[in-house]
Amino acid sequence: MSLQDKAKAIAKNIEGKVQETVGDLTGDRKAQAEGKEKQVESKIRHTTEDVKDGVKKIID
């Protein structure tokens, strides 16, 4: 995973956690759901990059 991709995934995760927390505090279910979606997207990005790295190691 490139450093830039990793930073983007981490930023997306933090953004999602903040949005979910704001939704929790305000009772905004839409914000809660969107925050959780961003966290899942971050996990998917991390997993995808980990798979790419694994395949690259096998090929090399």
PDB file of N, CA and C in Angstrom:
ATOM      1  N   MET A   1       0.848  -1.164   0.000  1.00  0.00           N
ATOM      2  CA  MET A   1       0.000   0.000   0.000  1.00  0.00           C
ATOM      3  C   MET A   1       0.895   1.229   0.000  1.00  0.00           C
ATOM      4  N   SER A   2       0.656   2.097  -0.939  1.00  0.00           N
ATOM      5  CA  SER A   2       1.477   3.306  -0.968  1.00  0.00           C
ATOM      6  C   SER A   2       1.129   4.181   0.231  1.00  0.00           C
ATOM      7  N   LEU A   3       2.069   4.989   0.602  1.00  0.00           N
ATOM      8  CA  LEU A   3       1.880   5.862   1.750  1.00  0.00           C
ATOM      9  C   LEU A   3       0.693   6.801   1.528  1.00  0.00           C
ATOM     10  N   GLN A   4       0.551   7.277   0.308  1.00  0.00           N
ATOM     11  CA  GLN A   4      -0.551   8.184  -0.012  1.00  0.00           C
ATOM     12  C   GLN A   4      -1.897   7.471   0.116  1.00  0.00           C
ATOM     13  N   ASP A   5      -2.002   6.244  -0.390  1.00  0.00           N
ATOM     14  CA  ASP A   5      -3.241   5.472  -0.290  1.00  0.00           C
ATOM     15  C   ASP A   5      -3.574   5.160   1.168  1.00  0.00           C
ATOM     16  N   LYS A   6      -2.540   4.830   1.925  1.00  0.00           N
ATOM     17  CA  LYS A   6      -2.740   4.525   3.334  1.00  0.00           C
ATOM     18  C   LYS A   6      -3.251   5.761   4.081  1.00  0.00           C
ATOM     19  N   ALA A   7      -2.667   6.915   3.788  1.00  0.00           N
ATOM     20  CA  ALA A   7      -3.096   8.159   4.428  1.00  0.00           C
ATOM     21  C   ALA A   7      -4.547   8.487   4.081  1.00  0.00           C
ATOM     22  N   LYS A   8      -4.927   8.261   2.826  1.00  0.00           N
ATOM     23  CA  LYS A   8      -6.308   8.518   2.410  1.00  0.00           C
ATOM     24  C   LYS A   8      -7.278   7.597   3.143  1.00  0.00           C
ATOM     25  N   ALA A   9      -6.910   6.332   3.273  1.00  0.00           N
ATOM     26  CA  ALA A   9      -7.772   5.371   3.962  1.00  0.00           C
ATOM     27  C   ALA A   9      -7.908   5.731   5.442  1.00  0.00           C
ATOM     28  N   ILE A  10      -6.810   6.131   6.054  1.00  0.00           N
ATOM     29  CA  ILE A  10      -6.852   6.520   7.466  1.00  0.00           C
ATOM     30  C   ILE A  10      -7.705   7.777   7.639  1.00  0.00           C
ATOM     31  N   ALA A  11      -7.548   8.736   6.739  1.00  0.00           N
ATOM     32  CA  ALA A  11      -8.342   9.963   6.808  1.00  0.00           C
ATOM     33  C   ALA A  11      -9.827   9.661   6.652  1.00  0.00           C
ATOM     34  N   LYS A  12     -10.154   8.762   5.741  1.00  0.00           N
ATOM     35  CA  LYS A  12     -11.557   8.382   5.525  1.00  0.00           C
ATOM     36  C   LYS A  12     -12.125   7.727   6.778  1.00  0.00           C
ATOM     37  N   ASN A  13     -11.323   6.892   7.443  1.00  0.00           N
ATOM     38  CA  ASN A  13     -11.761   6.232   8.662  1.00  0.00           C
ATOM     39  C   ASN A  13     -12.016   7.262   9.771  1.00  0.00           C
ATOM     40  N   ILE A  14     -11.098   8.198   9.932  1.00  0.00           N
ATOM     41  CA  ILE A  14     -11.256   9.237  10.959  1.00  0.00           C
ATOM     42  C   ILE A  14     -12.485  10.090  10.661  1.00  0.00           C
ATOM     43  N   GLU A  15     -12.638  10.460   9.404  1.00  0.00           N
ATOM     44  CA  GLU A  15     -13.802  11.251   8.998  1.00  0.00           C
ATOM     45  C   GLU A  15     -15.095  10.510   9.340  1.00  0.00           C
ATOM     46  N   GLY A  16     -15.107   9.225   9.065  1.00  0.00           N
ATOM     47  CA  GLY A  16     -16.294   8.421   9.367  1.00  0.00           C
ATOM     48  C   GLY A  16     -16.572   8.335  10.853  1.00  0.00           C
ATOM     49  N   LYS A  17     -15.530   8.163  11.652  1.00  0.00           N
ATOM     50  CA  LYS A  17     -15.717   8.095  13.108  1.00  0.00           C
ATOM     51  C   LYS A  17     -16.257   9.408  13.653  1.00  0.00           C
ATOM     52  N   VAL A  18     -15.715  10.526  13.161  1.00  0.00           N
ATOM     53  CA  VAL A  18     -16.183  11.838  13.608  1.00  0.00           C
ATOM     54  C   VAL A  18     -17.643  12.027  13.217  1.00  0.00           C
ATOM     55  N   GLN A  19     -17.975  11.703  11.982  1.00  0.00           N
ATOM     56  CA  GLN A  19     -19.339  11.880  11.511  1.00  0.00           C
ATOM     57  C   GLN A  19     -20.301  10.991  12.304  1.00  0.00           C
ATOM     58  N   GLU A  20     -19.904   9.759  12.576  1.00  0.00           N
ATOM     59  CA  GLU A  20     -20.754   8.861  13.357  1.00  0.00           C
ATOM     60  C   GLU A  20     -20.958   9.415  14.771  1.00  0.00           C
ATOM     61  N   THR A  21     -19.896   9.919  15.380  1.00  0.00           N
ATOM     62  CA  THR A  21     -19.986  10.476  16.730  1.00  0.00           C
ATOM     63  C   THR A  21     -20.897  11.695  16.771  1.00  0.00           C
ATOM     64  N   VAL A  22     -20.765  12.574  15.779  1.00  0.00           N
ATOM     65  CA  VAL A  22     -21.643  13.736  15.703  1.00  0.00           C
ATOM     66  C   VAL A  22     -23.096  13.271  15.561  1.00  0.00           C
ATOM     67  N   GLY A  23     -23.304  12.274  14.745  1.00  0.00           N
ATOM     68  CA  GLY A  23     -24.648  11.720  14.587  1.00  0.00           C
ATOM     69  C   GLY A  23     -25.178  11.139  15.884  1.00  0.00           C
ATOM     70  N   ASP A  24     -24.305  10.472  16.631  1.00  0.00           N
ATOM     71  CA  ASP A  24     -24.706   9.930  17.930  1.00  0.00           C
ATOM     72  C   ASP A  24     -25.117  11.056  18.880  1.00  0.00           C
ATOM     73  N   LEU A  25     -24.315  12.111  18.911  1.00  0.00           N
ATOM     74  CA  LEU A  25     -24.578  13.220  19.839  1.00  0.00           C
ATOM     75  C   LEU A  25     -25.838  14.001  19.483  1.00  0.00           C
ATOM     76  N   THR A  26     -26.099  14.130  18.178  1.00  0.00           N
ATOM     77  CA  THR A  26     -27.254  14.920  17.732  1.00  0.00           C
ATOM     78  C   THR A  26     -28.493  14.068  17.475  1.00  0.00           C
ATOM     79  N   GLY A  27     -28.316  12.761  17.485  1.00  0.00           N
ATOM     80  CA  GLY A  27     -29.449  11.879  17.191  1.00  0.00           C
ATOM     81  C   GLY A  27     -29.753  11.785  15.709  1.00  0.00           C
ATOM     82  N   ASP A  28     -28.818  12.191  14.877  1.00  0.00           N
ATOM     83  CA  ASP A  28     -28.993  12.185  13.417  1.00  0.00           C
ATOM     84  C   ASP A  28     -28.598  10.811  12.877  1.00  0.00           C
ATOM     85  N   ARG A  29     -29.608  10.010  12.589  1.00  0.00           N
ATOM     86  CA  ARG A  29     -29.341   8.650  12.120  1.00  0.00           C
ATOM     87  C   ARG A  29     -28.666   8.615  10.755  1.00  0.00           C
ATOM     88  N   LYS A  30     -28.965   9.588   9.912  1.00  0.00           N
ATOM     89  CA  LYS A  30     -28.336   9.644   8.588  1.00  0.00           C
ATOM     90  C   LYS A  30     -26.835   9.871   8.734  1.00  0.00           C
ATOM     91  N   ALA A  31     -26.446  10.786   9.597  1.00  0.00           N
ATOM     92  CA  ALA A  31     -25.023  11.055   9.823  1.00  0.00           C
ATOM     93  C   ALA A  31     -24.336   9.832  10.417  1.00  0.00           C
ATOM     94  N   GLN A  32     -25.025   9.144  11.320  1.00  0.00           N
ATOM     95  CA  GLN A  32     -24.472   7.922  11.904  1.00  0.00           C
ATOM     96  C   GLN A  32     -24.198   6.892  10.814  1.00  0.00           C
ATOM     97  N   ALA A  33     -25.185   6.688   9.960  1.00  0.00           N
ATOM     98  CA  ALA A  33     -25.058   5.689   8.892  1.00  0.00           C
ATOM     99  C   ALA A  33     -23.956   6.072   7.907  1.00  0.00           C
ATOM    100  N   GLU A  34     -23.905   7.342   7.532  1.00  0.00           N
ATOM    101  CA  GLU A  34     -22.868   7.795   6.595  1.00  0.00           C
ATOM    102  C   GLU A  34     -21.483   7.630   7.209  1.00  0.00           C
ATOM    103  N   GLY A  35     -21.360   7.907   8.493  1.00  0.00           N
ATOM    104  CA  GLY A  35     -20.081   7.724   9.173  1.00  0.00           C
ATOM    105  C   GLY A  35     -19.647   6.269   9.176  1.00  0.00           C
ATOM    106  N   LYS A  36     -20.596   5.384   9.435  1.00  0.00           N
ATOM    107  CA  LYS A  36     -20.276   3.957   9.422  1.00  0.00           C
ATOM    108  C   LYS A  36     -19.884   3.504   8.014  1.00  0.00           C
ATOM    109  N   GLU A  37     -20.572   4.033   7.001  1.00  0.00           N
ATOM    110  CA  GLU A  37     -20.245   3.689   5.616  1.00  0.00           C
ATOM    111  C   GLU A  37     -18.803   4.089   5.278  1.00  0.00           C
ATOM    112  N   LYS A  38     -18.397   5.257   5.726  1.00  0.00           N
ATOM    113  CA  LYS A  38     -17.037   5.721   5.452  1.00  0.00           C
ATOM    114  C   LYS A  38     -16.004   4.828   6.137  1.00  0.00           C
ATOM    115  N   GLN A  39     -16.336   4.348   7.322  1.00  0.00           N
ATOM    116  CA  GLN A  39     -15.423   3.462   8.031  1.00  0.00           C
ATOM    117  C   GLN A  39     -15.301   2.119   7.294  1.00  0.00           C
ATOM    118  N   VAL A  40     -16.414   1.630   6.782  1.00  0.00           N
ATOM    119  CA  VAL A  40     -16.384   0.382   6.011  1.00  0.00           C
ATOM    120  C   VAL A  40     -15.583   0.588   4.729  1.00  0.00           C
ATOM    121  N   GLU A  41     -15.776   1.726   4.077  1.00  0.00           N
ATOM    122  CA  GLU A  41     -15.018   2.025   2.861  1.00  0.00           C
ATOM    123  C   GLU A  41     -13.516   2.023   3.154  1.00  0.00           C
ATOM    124  N   SER A  42     -13.141   2.580   4.283  1.00  0.00           N
ATOM    125  CA  SER A  42     -11.735   2.598   4.672  1.00  0.00           C
ATOM    126  C   SER A  42     -11.201   1.187   4.861  1.00  0.00           C
ATOM    127  N   LYS A  43     -11.977   0.335   5.509  1.00  0.00           N
ATOM    128  CA  LYS A  43     -11.549  -1.053   5.723  1.00  0.00           C
ATOM    129  C   LYS A  43     -11.402  -1.781   4.391  1.00  0.00           C
ATOM    130  N   ILE A  44     -12.311  -1.508   3.466  1.00  0.00           N
ATOM    131  CA  ILE A  44     -12.243  -2.140   2.145  1.00  0.00           C
ATOM    132  C   ILE A  44     -10.982  -1.683   1.414  1.00  0.00           C
ATOM    133  N   ARG A  45     -10.678  -0.392   1.499  1.00  0.00           N
ATOM    134  CA  ARG A  45      -9.457   0.121   0.861  1.00  0.00           C
ATOM    135  C   ARG A  45      -8.213  -0.556   1.436  1.00  0.00           C
ATOM    136  N   HIS A  46      -8.174  -0.674   2.763  1.00  0.00           N
ATOM    137  CA  HIS A  46      -7.030  -1.326   3.404  1.00  0.00           C
ATOM    138  C   HIS A  46      -6.912  -2.782   2.940  1.00  0.00           C
ATOM    139  N   THR A  47      -8.025  -3.492   2.918  1.00  0.00           N
ATOM    140  CA  THR A  47      -8.011  -4.895   2.512  1.00  0.00           C
ATOM    141  C   THR A  47      -7.572  -5.041   1.063  1.00  0.00           C
ATOM    142  N   THR A  48      -8.099  -4.190   0.193  1.00  0.00           N
ATOM    143  CA  THR A  48      -7.730  -4.232  -1.228  1.00  0.00           C
ATOM    144  C   THR A  48      -6.233  -4.010  -1.404  1.00  0.00           C
ATOM    145  N   GLU A  49      -5.702  -3.021  -0.725  1.00  0.00           N
ATOM    146  CA  GLU A  49      -4.275  -2.733  -0.842  1.00  0.00           C
ATOM    147  C   GLU A  49      -3.424  -3.853  -0.243  1.00  0.00           C
ATOM    148  N   ASP A  50      -3.895  -4.465   0.838  1.00  0.00           N
ATOM    149  CA  ASP A  50      -3.168  -5.591   1.419  1.00  0.00           C
ATOM    150  C   ASP A  50      -3.120  -6.770   0.448  1.00  0.00           C
ATOM    151  N   VAL A  51      -4.229  -7.010  -0.245  1.00  0.00           N
ATOM    152  CA  VAL A  51      -4.259  -8.088  -1.240  1.00  0.00           C
ATOM    153  C   VAL A  51      -3.306  -7.769  -2.387  1.00  0.00           C
ATOM    154  N   LYS A  52      -3.328  -6.526  -2.855  1.00  0.00           N
ATOM    155  CA  LYS A  52      -2.416  -6.124  -3.932  1.00  0.00           C
ATOM    156  C   LYS A  52      -0.955  -6.334  -3.509  1.00  0.00           C
ATOM    157  N   ASP A  53      -0.651  -5.929  -2.282  1.00  0.00           N
ATOM    158  CA  ASP A  53       0.715  -6.096  -1.781  1.00  0.00           C
ATOM    159  C   ASP A  53       1.099  -7.569  -1.705  1.00  0.00           C
ATOM    160  N   GLY A  54       0.163  -8.398  -1.276  1.00  0.00           N
ATOM    161  CA  GLY A  54       0.428  -9.836  -1.181  1.00  0.00           C
ATOM    162  C   GLY A  54       0.674 -10.462  -2.542  1.00  0.00           C
ATOM    163  N   VAL A  55      -0.136 -10.094  -3.504  1.00  0.00           N
ATOM    164  CA  VAL A  55       0.033 -10.617  -4.869  1.00  0.00           C
ATOM    165  C   VAL A  55       1.363 -10.142  -5.455  1.00  0.00           C
ATOM    166  N   LYS A  56       1.694  -8.896  -5.207  1.00  0.00           N
ATOM    167  CA  LYS A  56       2.948  -8.357  -5.719  1.00  0.00           C
ATOM    168  C   LYS A  56       4.144  -9.113  -5.143  1.00  0.00           C
ATOM    169  N   LYS A  57       4.086  -9.437  -3.850  1.00  0.00           N
ATOM    170  CA  LYS A  57       5.161 -10.193  -3.221  1.00  0.00           C
ATOM    171  C   LYS A  57       5.292 -11.589  -3.829  1.00  0.00           C
ATOM    172  N   ILE A  58       4.162 -12.211  -4.133  1.00  0.00           N
ATOM    173  CA  ILE A  58       4.181 -13.546  -4.723  1.00  0.00           C
ATOM    174  C   ILE A  58       4.791 -13.500  -6.121  1.00  0.00           C
ATOM    175  N   ILE A  59       4.405 -12.487  -6.891  1.00  0.00           N
ATOM    176  CA  ILE A  59       4.894 -12.360  -8.255  1.00  0.00           C
ATOM    177  C   ILE A  59       6.392 -12.049  -8.279  1.00  0.00           C
ATOM    178  N   ASP A  60       6.823 -11.185  -7.371  1.00  0.00           N
ATOM    179  CA  ASP A  60       8.239 -10.822  -7.324  1.00  0.00           C
ATOM    180  C   ASP A  60       9.010 -11.984  -6.761  1.00  0.00           C
TER     181      ASP A  60
END
